[in-house]
PDB file of all heavy atoms in Angstrom:
ATOM      1  N   HIS A   1      90.057  88.405 114.964  1.00  0.00           N
ATOM      2  CA  HIS A   1      90.927  87.770 113.968  1.00  0.00           C
ATOM      3  C   HIS A   1      90.186  86.622 113.303  1.00  0.00           C
ATOM      4  O   HIS A   1      89.517  85.824 113.971  1.00  0.00           O
ATOM      5  CB  HIS A   1      92.200  87.232 114.643  1.00  0.00           C
ATOM      6  CG  HIS A   1      93.042  86.382 113.741  1.00  0.00           C
ATOM      7  ND1 HIS A   1      93.302  85.050 113.985  1.00  0.00           N
ATOM      8  CD2 HIS A   1      93.694  86.683 112.583  1.00  0.00           C
ATOM      9  CE1 HIS A   1      94.073  84.570 113.028  1.00  0.00           C
ATOM     10  NE2 HIS A   1      94.320  85.533 112.163  1.00  0.00           N
ATOM     11  N   SER A   2      90.266  86.539 111.968  1.00  0.00           N
ATOM     12  CA  SER A   2      89.705  85.438 111.187  1.00  0.00           C
ATOM     13  C   SER A   2      88.182  85.392 111.374  1.00  0.00           C
ATOM     14  O   SER A   2      87.490  86.349 111.007  1.00  0.00           O
ATOM     15  CB  SER A   2      90.378  84.128 111.592  1.00  0.00           C
ATOM     16  OG  SER A   2      90.100  83.114 110.674  1.00  0.00           O
ATOM     17  N   GLN A   3      87.623  84.307 111.929  1.00  0.00           N
ATOM     18  CA  GLN A   3      86.197  84.338 112.254  1.00  0.00           C
ATOM     19  C   GLN A   3      85.901  85.540 113.135  1.00  0.00           C
ATOM     20  O   GLN A   3      84.888  86.230 112.961  1.00  0.00           O
ATOM     21  CB  GLN A   3      85.763  83.067 112.989  1.00  0.00           C
ATOM     22  CG  GLN A   3      84.287  83.105 113.391  1.00  0.00           C
ATOM     23  CD  GLN A   3      83.900  82.083 114.454  1.00  0.00           C
ATOM     24  OE1 GLN A   3      84.728  81.298 114.918  1.00  0.00           O
ATOM     25  NE2 GLN A   3      82.638  82.082 114.853  1.00  0.00           N
ATOM     26  N   GLY A   4      86.793  85.818 114.085  1.00  0.00           N
ATOM     27  CA  GLY A   4      86.609  86.957 114.966  1.00  0.00           C
ATOM     28  C   GLY A   4      86.710  88.287 114.251  1.00  0.00           C
ATOM     29  O   GLY A   4      86.119  89.284 114.695  1.00  0.00           O
ATOM     30  N   GLY A   5      87.462  88.337 113.145  1.00  0.00           N
ATOM     31  CA  GLY A   5      87.480  89.541 112.331  1.00  0.00           C
ATOM     32  C   GLY A   5      86.125  89.793 111.705  1.00  0.00           C
ATOM     33  O   GLY A   5      85.642  90.936 111.640  1.00  0.00           O
ATOM     34  N   HIS A   6      85.498  88.732 111.238  1.00  0.00           N
ATOM     35  CA  HIS A   6      84.130  88.795 110.731  1.00  0.00           C
ATOM     36  C   HIS A   6      83.190  89.253 111.845  1.00  0.00           C
ATOM     37  O   HIS A   6      82.356  90.148 111.656  1.00  0.00           O
ATOM     38  CB  HIS A   6      83.745  87.399 110.215  1.00  0.00           C
ATOM     39  CG  HIS A   6      82.359  87.271 109.684  1.00  0.00           C
ATOM     40  ND1 HIS A   6      81.305  86.806 110.443  1.00  0.00           N
ATOM     41  CD2 HIS A   6      81.846  87.514 108.453  1.00  0.00           C
ATOM     42  CE1 HIS A   6      80.206  86.768 109.704  1.00  0.00           C
ATOM     43  NE2 HIS A   6      80.503  87.190 108.491  1.00  0.00           N
ATOM     44  N   ALA A   7      83.352  88.658 113.038  1.00  0.00           N
ATOM     45  CA  ALA A   7      82.518  89.023 114.182  1.00  0.00           C
ATOM     46  C   ALA A   7      82.716  90.474 114.578  1.00  0.00           C
ATOM     47  O   ALA A   7      81.749  91.177 114.918  1.00  0.00           O
ATOM     48  CB  ALA A   7      82.832  88.108 115.369  1.00  0.00           C
ATOM     49  N   ALA A   8      83.971  90.957 114.543  1.00  0.00           N
ATOM     50  CA  ALA A   8      84.249  92.345 114.930  1.00  0.00           C
ATOM     51  C   ALA A   8      83.560  93.322 113.981  1.00  0.00           C
ATOM     52  O   ALA A   8      82.962  94.314 114.410  1.00  0.00           O
ATOM     53  CB  ALA A   8      85.758  92.583 114.952  1.00  0.00           C
ATOM     54  N   LEU A   9      83.650  93.060 112.668  1.00  0.00           N
ATOM     55  CA  LEU A   9      82.991  93.937 111.706  1.00  0.00           C
ATOM     56  C   LEU A   9      81.481  93.936 111.912  1.00  0.00           C
ATOM     57  O   LEU A   9      80.834  94.987 111.876  1.00  0.00           O
ATOM     58  CB  LEU A   9      83.351  93.510 110.282  1.00  0.00           C
ATOM     59  CG  LEU A   9      84.829  93.689 109.893  1.00  0.00           C
ATOM     60  CD1 LEU A   9      85.105  93.029 108.541  1.00  0.00           C
ATOM     61  CD2 LEU A   9      85.214  95.166 109.848  1.00  0.00           C
ATOM     62  N   TRP A  10      80.915  92.774 112.131  1.00  0.00           N
ATOM     63  CA  TRP A  10      79.477  92.694 112.371  1.00  0.00           C
ATOM     64  C   TRP A  10      79.093  93.350 113.696  1.00  0.00           C
ATOM     65  O   TRP A  10      77.985  93.894 113.824  1.00  0.00           O
ATOM     66  CB  TRP A  10      79.005  91.242 112.326  1.00  0.00           C
ATOM     67  CG  TRP A  10      78.581  90.824 110.951  1.00  0.00           C
ATOM     68  CD1 TRP A  10      79.309  90.127 110.038  1.00  0.00           C
ATOM     69  CD2 TRP A  10      77.333  91.108 110.327  1.00  0.00           C
ATOM     70  NE1 TRP A  10      78.598  89.960 108.882  1.00  0.00           N
ATOM     71  CE2 TRP A  10      77.369  90.544 109.031  1.00  0.00           C
ATOM     72  CE3 TRP A  10      76.184  91.785 110.737  1.00  0.00           C
ATOM     73  CZ2 TRP A  10      76.309  90.640 108.144  1.00  0.00           C
ATOM     74  CZ3 TRP A  10      75.116  91.879 109.854  1.00  0.00           C
ATOM     75  CH2 TRP A  10      75.178  91.310 108.580  1.00  0.00           C
ATOM     76  N   THR A  11      79.996  93.325 114.679  1.00  0.00           N
ATOM     77  CA  THR A  11      79.733  94.012 115.941  1.00  0.00           C
ATOM     78  C   THR A  11      79.603  95.509 115.694  1.00  0.00           C
ATOM     79  O   THR A  11      78.711  96.175 116.248  1.00  0.00           O
ATOM     80  CB  THR A  11      80.852  93.726 116.960  1.00  0.00           C
ATOM     81  OG1 THR A  11      80.890  92.313 117.225  1.00  0.00           O
ATOM     82  CG2 THR A  11      80.618  94.465 118.262  1.00  0.00           C
ATOM     83  N   GLY A  12      80.478  96.049 114.839  1.00  0.00           N
ATOM     84  CA  GLY A  12      80.377  97.458 114.471  1.00  0.00           C
ATOM     85  C   GLY A  12      79.096  97.772 113.727  1.00  0.00           C
ATOM     86  O   GLY A  12      78.495  98.845 113.901  1.00  0.00           O
ATOM     87  N   ILE A  13      78.661  96.840 112.876  1.00  0.00           N
ATOM     88  CA  ILE A  13      77.425  97.034 112.111  1.00  0.00           C
ATOM     89  C   ILE A  13      76.201  97.004 113.018  1.00  0.00           C
ATOM     90  O   ILE A  13      75.302  97.843 112.924  1.00  0.00           O
ATOM     91  CB  ILE A  13      77.299  95.945 111.018  1.00  0.00           C
ATOM     92  CG1 ILE A  13      78.369  96.140 109.925  1.00  0.00           C
ATOM     93  CG2 ILE A  13      75.898  95.936 110.410  1.00  0.00           C
ATOM     94  CD1 ILE A  13      78.492  94.965 108.978  1.00  0.00           C
ATOM     95  N   LEU A  14      76.169  96.042 113.934  1.00  0.00           N
ATOM     96  CA  LEU A  14      74.951  95.786 114.712  1.00  0.00           C
ATOM     97  C   LEU A  14      74.829  96.669 115.951  1.00  0.00           C
ATOM     98  O   LEU A  14      73.709  96.852 116.458  1.00  0.00           O
ATOM     99  CB  LEU A  14      74.924  94.313 115.128  1.00  0.00           C
ATOM    100  CG  LEU A  14      73.576  93.749 115.586  1.00  0.00           C
ATOM    101  CD1 LEU A  14      72.577  93.733 114.444  1.00  0.00           C
ATOM    102  CD2 LEU A  14      73.745  92.346 116.154  1.00  0.00           C
ATOM    103  N   ALA A  15      75.928  97.213 116.447  1.00  0.00           N
ATOM    104  CA  ALA A  15      75.906  97.934 117.726  1.00  0.00           C
ATOM    105  C   ALA A  15      74.834  99.018 117.801  1.00  0.00           C
ATOM    106  O   ALA A  15      74.103  99.093 118.797  1.00  0.00           O
ATOM    107  CB  ALA A  15      77.284  98.518 118.021  1.00  0.00           C
ATOM    108  N   PRO A  16      74.704  99.885 116.791  1.00  0.00           N
ATOM    109  CA  PRO A  16      73.695 100.953 116.922  1.00  0.00           C
ATOM    110  C   PRO A  16      72.266 100.439 117.016  1.00  0.00           C
ATOM    111  O   PRO A  16      71.389 101.129 117.543  1.00  0.00           O
ATOM    112  CB  PRO A  16      73.889 101.783 115.644  1.00  0.00           C
ATOM    113  CG  PRO A  16      75.260 101.440 115.155  1.00  0.00           C
ATOM    114  CD  PRO A  16      75.478 100.015 115.540  1.00  0.00           C
ATOM    115  N   ILE A  17      72.036  99.227 116.516  1.00  0.00           N
ATOM    116  CA  ILE A  17      70.691  98.661 116.509  1.00  0.00           C
ATOM    117  C   ILE A  17      70.449  97.829 117.760  1.00  0.00           C
ATOM    118  O   ILE A  17      69.429  97.970 118.444  1.00  0.00           O
ATOM    119  CB  ILE A  17      70.482  97.777 115.263  1.00  0.00           C
ATOM    120  CG1 ILE A  17      70.754  98.584 113.993  1.00  0.00           C
ATOM    121  CG2 ILE A  17      69.090  97.146 115.247  1.00  0.00           C
ATOM    122  CD1 ILE A  17      70.896  97.731 112.756  1.00  0.00           C
ATOM    123  N   TYR A  18      71.399  96.964 118.095  1.00  0.00           N
ATOM    124  CA  TYR A  18      71.209  95.984 119.166  1.00  0.00           C
ATOM    125  C   TYR A  18      71.610  96.538 120.535  1.00  0.00           C
ATOM    126  O   TYR A  18      70.980  96.212 121.544  1.00  0.00           O
ATOM    127  CB  TYR A  18      72.017  94.726 118.860  1.00  0.00           C
ATOM    128  CG  TYR A  18      71.854  93.618 119.872  1.00  0.00           C
ATOM    129  CD1 TYR A  18      70.693  92.842 119.899  1.00  0.00           C
ATOM    130  CD2 TYR A  18      72.851  93.340 120.808  1.00  0.00           C
ATOM    131  CE1 TYR A  18      70.538  91.823 120.818  1.00  0.00           C
ATOM    132  CE2 TYR A  18      72.701  92.323 121.734  1.00  0.00           C
ATOM    133  CZ  TYR A  18      71.546  91.569 121.738  1.00  0.00           C
ATOM    134  OH  TYR A  18      71.398  90.551 122.656  1.00  0.00           O
ATOM    135  N   ALA A  19      72.651  97.362 120.589  1.00  0.00           N
ATOM    136  CA  ALA A  19      73.141  97.882 121.867  1.00  0.00           C
ATOM    137  C   ALA A  19      73.500  99.351 121.727  1.00  0.00           C
ATOM    138  O   ALA A  19      74.664  99.745 121.864  1.00  0.00           O
ATOM    139  CB  ALA A  19      74.354  97.069 122.331  1.00  0.00           C
ATOM    140  N   PRO A  20      72.521 100.202 121.447  1.00  0.00           N
ATOM    141  CA  PRO A  20      72.813 101.615 121.172  1.00  0.00           C
ATOM    142  C   PRO A  20      73.425 102.357 122.354  1.00  0.00           C
ATOM    143  O   PRO A  20      74.032 103.413 122.171  1.00  0.00           O
ATOM    144  CB  PRO A  20      71.443 102.197 120.801  1.00  0.00           C
ATOM    145  CG  PRO A  20      70.448 101.265 121.416  1.00  0.00           C
ATOM    146  CD  PRO A  20      71.084  99.914 121.364  1.00  0.00           C
ATOM    147  N   GLU A  21      73.291 101.802 123.564  1.00  0.00           N
ATOM    148  CA  GLU A  21      73.856 102.469 124.734  1.00  0.00           C
ATOM    149  C   GLU A  21      75.381 102.286 124.848  1.00  0.00           C
ATOM    150  O   GLU A  21      76.039 103.009 125.599  1.00  0.00           O
ATOM    151  CB  GLU A  21      73.181 101.955 126.021  1.00  0.00           C
ATOM    152  CG  GLU A  21      73.695 100.621 126.545  1.00  0.00           C
ATOM    153  CD  GLU A  21      73.169  99.393 125.800  1.00  0.00           C
ATOM    154  OE1 GLU A  21      72.485  99.561 124.769  1.00  0.00           O
ATOM    155  OE2 GLU A  21      73.445  98.268 126.255  1.00  0.00           O
ATOM    156  N   LEU A  22      75.923 101.325 124.104  1.00  0.00           N
ATOM    157  CA  LEU A  22      77.360 101.083 124.165  1.00  0.00           C
ATOM    158  C   LEU A  22      78.103 102.046 123.249  1.00  0.00           C
ATOM    159  O   LEU A  22      77.700 102.266 122.107  1.00  0.00           O
ATOM    160  CB  LEU A  22      77.689  99.641 123.766  1.00  0.00           C
ATOM    161  CG  LEU A  22      77.164  98.539 124.685  1.00  0.00           C
ATOM    162  CD1 LEU A  22      77.598  97.168 124.160  1.00  0.00           C
ATOM    163  CD2 LEU A  22      77.647  98.723 126.116  1.00  0.00           C
ATOM    164  N   LYS A  23      79.196 102.579 123.744  1.00  0.00           N
ATOM    165  CA  LYS A  23      80.022 103.476 122.931  1.00  0.00           C
ATOM    166  C   LYS A  23      81.212 102.672 122.396  1.00  0.00           C
ATOM    167  O   LYS A  23      82.086 102.284 123.162  1.00  0.00           O
ATOM    168  CB  LYS A  23      80.526 104.661 123.761  1.00  0.00           C
ATOM    169  CG  LYS A  23      81.511 105.555 123.011  1.00  0.00           C
ATOM    170  CD  LYS A  23      81.960 106.713 123.866  1.00  0.00           C
ATOM    171  CE  LYS A  23      83.112 107.483 123.243  1.00  0.00           C
ATOM    172  NZ  LYS A  23      82.857 107.946 121.868  1.00  0.00           N
ATOM    173  N   LEU A  24      81.221 102.422 121.094  1.00  0.00           N
ATOM    174  CA  LEU A  24      82.372 101.775 120.463  1.00  0.00           C
ATOM    175  C   LEU A  24      83.248 102.859 119.843  1.00  0.00           C
ATOM    176  O   LEU A  24      82.754 103.752 119.159  1.00  0.00           O
ATOM    177  CB  LEU A  24      81.916 100.789 119.384  1.00  0.00           C
ATOM    178  CG  LEU A  24      81.034  99.617 119.852  1.00  0.00           C
ATOM    179  CD1 LEU A  24      80.801  98.649 118.690  1.00  0.00           C
ATOM    180  CD2 LEU A  24      81.640  98.895 121.032  1.00  0.00           C
ATOM    181  N   ASP A  25      84.541 102.761 120.095  1.00  0.00           N
ATOM    182  CA  ASP A  25      85.477 103.767 119.589  1.00  0.00           C
ATOM    183  C   ASP A  25      86.246 103.289 118.364  1.00  0.00           C
ATOM    184  O   ASP A  25      86.938 104.097 117.728  1.00  0.00           O
ATOM    185  CB  ASP A  25      86.470 104.154 120.696  1.00  0.00           C
ATOM    186  CG  ASP A  25      85.771 104.839 121.851  1.00  0.00           C
ATOM    187  OD1 ASP A  25      85.468 106.034 121.727  1.00  0.00           O
ATOM    188  OD2 ASP A  25      85.512 104.173 122.870  1.00  0.00           O
ATOM    189  N   GLY A  26      86.145 102.018 118.023  1.00  0.00           N
ATOM    190  CA  GLY A  26      86.843 101.532 116.845  1.00  0.00           C
ATOM    191  C   GLY A  26      86.722 100.027 116.708  1.00  0.00           C
ATOM    192  O   GLY A  26      86.406  99.312 117.666  1.00  0.00           O
ATOM    193  N   ILE A  27      86.953  99.556 115.484  1.00  0.00           N
ATOM    194  CA  ILE A  27      86.930  98.129 115.150  1.00  0.00           C
ATOM    195  C   ILE A  27      88.242  97.800 114.456  1.00  0.00           C
ATOM    196  O   ILE A  27      88.545  98.371 113.399  1.00  0.00           O
ATOM    197  CB  ILE A  27      85.762  97.773 114.203  1.00  0.00           C
ATOM    198  CG1 ILE A  27      84.415  98.240 114.766  1.00  0.00           C
ATOM    199  CG2 ILE A  27      85.771  96.285 113.877  1.00  0.00           C
ATOM    200  CD1 ILE A  27      83.944  97.505 115.980  1.00  0.00           C
ATOM    201  N   SER A  28      89.026  96.884 115.036  1.00  0.00           N
ATOM    202  CA  SER A  28      90.237  96.402 114.368  1.00  0.00           C
ATOM    203  C   SER A  28      90.047  94.942 114.014  1.00  0.00           C
ATOM    204  O   SER A  28      89.877  94.088 114.891  1.00  0.00           O
ATOM    205  CB  SER A  28      91.471  96.567 115.259  1.00  0.00           C
ATOM    206  OG  SER A  28      92.620  96.110 114.564  1.00  0.00           O
TER     207      SER A  28
END
């Protein structure tokens, strides 16, 4: 939420590069 909403979107962007072993199923 808010700053965390920004962080959540960036988490979705960066995951394949920084933590490719993690399986993310969605970003809210």
